[in-house]
Amino acid sequence: MDTAKRQGLQKDLRALAADIRADAEGRYDSAEPGWQAGVEWTLLWIENTAAQLTEDRP
């Protein structure tokens, strides 16, 4: 995958994480147990995946 495609995908992943974070705000107080942890894990996974795209990994 070339650099431009990686950077585009990285930008899309970070936008997705921002959307998830915005949707989750205010829901933590009334959420089921474990929901917040699931959201945080998902955000970390997305960010780690996005970061790897610019580390020349396949």
C-alpha atoms as a PDB file:
ATOM      1  CA  MET A   1       0.000   0.000   0.000  1.00  0.00           C
ATOM      2  CA  ASP A   2       1.495   3.333  -0.920  1.00  0.00           C
ATOM      3  CA  THR A   3       2.021   6.186   1.526  1.00  0.00           C
ATOM      4  CA  ALA A   4      -0.887   8.316   0.334  1.00  0.00           C
ATOM      5  CA  LYS A   5      -3.335   5.446   0.784  1.00  0.00           C
ATOM      6  CA  ARG A   6      -1.943   4.675   4.240  1.00  0.00           C
ATOM      7  CA  GLN A   7      -2.270   8.298   5.294  1.00  0.00           C
ATOM      8  CA  GLY A   8      -5.815   8.463   3.938  1.00  0.00           C
ATOM      9  CA  LEU A   9      -6.816   5.332   5.814  1.00  0.00           C
ATOM     10  CA  GLN A  10      -5.115   6.633   8.947  1.00  0.00           C
ATOM     11  CA  LYS A  11      -7.113   9.866   8.691  1.00  0.00           C
ATOM     12  CA  ASP A  12     -10.351   7.905   8.211  1.00  0.00           C
ATOM     13  CA  LEU A  13      -9.629   5.697  11.231  1.00  0.00           C
ATOM     14  CA  ARG A  14      -8.918   8.708  13.423  1.00  0.00           C
ATOM     15  CA  ALA A  15     -12.136  10.365  12.239  1.00  0.00           C
ATOM     16  CA  LEU A  16     -14.017   7.165  13.126  1.00  0.00           C
ATOM     17  CA  ALA A  17     -12.456   7.205  16.609  1.00  0.00           C
ATOM     18  CA  ALA A  18     -13.463  10.846  17.056  1.00  0.00           C
ATOM     19  CA  ASP A  19     -17.043  10.013  16.045  1.00  0.00           C
ATOM     20  CA  ILE A  20     -17.182   7.096  18.491  1.00  0.00           C
ATOM     21  CA  ARG A  21     -15.742   9.253  21.265  1.00  0.00           C
ATOM     22  CA  ALA A  22     -18.290  12.018  20.589  1.00  0.00           C
ATOM     23  CA  ASP A  23     -21.201   9.553  20.528  1.00  0.00           C
ATOM     24  CA  ALA A  24     -20.050   7.926  23.760  1.00  0.00           C
ATOM     25  CA  GLU A  25     -19.731  11.162  25.733  1.00  0.00           C
ATOM     26  CA  GLY A  26     -22.426  11.492  28.326  1.00  0.00           C
ATOM     27  CA  ARG A  27     -23.413   7.828  28.061  1.00  0.00           C
ATOM     28  CA  TYR A  28     -20.855   6.479  30.516  1.00  0.00           C
ATOM     29  CA  ASP A  29     -22.901   7.339  33.615  1.00  0.00           C
ATOM     30  CA  SER A  30     -25.917   5.262  32.618  1.00  0.00           C
ATOM     31  CA  ALA A  31     -24.115   2.547  30.654  1.00  0.00           C
ATOM     32  CA  GLU A  32     -24.110  -1.172  31.324  1.00  0.00           C
ATOM     33  CA  PRO A  33     -21.090  -2.458  33.257  1.00  0.00           C
ATOM     34  CA  GLY A  34     -18.204  -3.010  30.885  1.00  0.00           C
ATOM     35  CA  TRP A  35     -19.579  -0.705  28.192  1.00  0.00           C
ATOM     36  CA  GLN A  36     -17.095   2.064  28.980  1.00  0.00           C
ATOM     37  CA  ALA A  37     -14.219  -0.423  28.974  1.00  0.00           C
ATOM     38  CA  GLY A  38     -15.401  -1.729  25.601  1.00  0.00           C
ATOM     39  CA  VAL A  39     -15.506   1.754  24.126  1.00  0.00           C
ATOM     40  CA  GLU A  40     -12.054   2.588  25.491  1.00  0.00           C
ATOM     41  CA  TRP A  41     -10.615  -0.693  24.163  1.00  0.00           C
ATOM     42  CA  THR A  42     -12.108  -0.010  20.731  1.00  0.00           C
ATOM     43  CA  LEU A  43     -10.657   3.499  20.647  1.00  0.00           C
ATOM     44  CA  LEU A  44      -7.220   2.183  21.622  1.00  0.00           C
ATOM     45  CA  TRP A  45      -7.392  -0.511  18.953  1.00  0.00           C
ATOM     46  CA  ILE A  46      -8.337   2.030  16.275  1.00  0.00           C
ATOM     47  CA  GLU A  47      -5.552   4.399  17.337  1.00  0.00           C
ATOM     48  CA  ASN A  48      -2.942   1.611  17.409  1.00  0.00           C
ATOM     49  CA  THR A  49      -4.028   0.424  13.973  1.00  0.00           C
ATOM     50  CA  ALA A  50      -3.861   3.970  12.611  1.00  0.00           C
ATOM     51  CA  ALA A  51      -0.387   4.484  14.083  1.00  0.00           C
ATOM     52  CA  GLN A  52       0.911   1.275  12.512  1.00  0.00           C
ATOM     53  CA  LEU A  53      -0.073   2.479   9.051  1.00  0.00           C
ATOM     54  CA  THR A  54       2.794   4.950   9.017  1.00  0.00           C
ATOM     55  CA  GLU A  55       5.370   2.575  10.509  1.00  0.00           C
ATOM     56  CA  ASP A  56       5.926   0.780   7.172  1.00  0.00           C
ATOM     57  CA  ARG A  57       4.156  -2.366   8.303  1.00  0.00           C
ATOM     58  CA  PRO A  58       2.201  -4.501   5.858  1.00  0.00           C
END
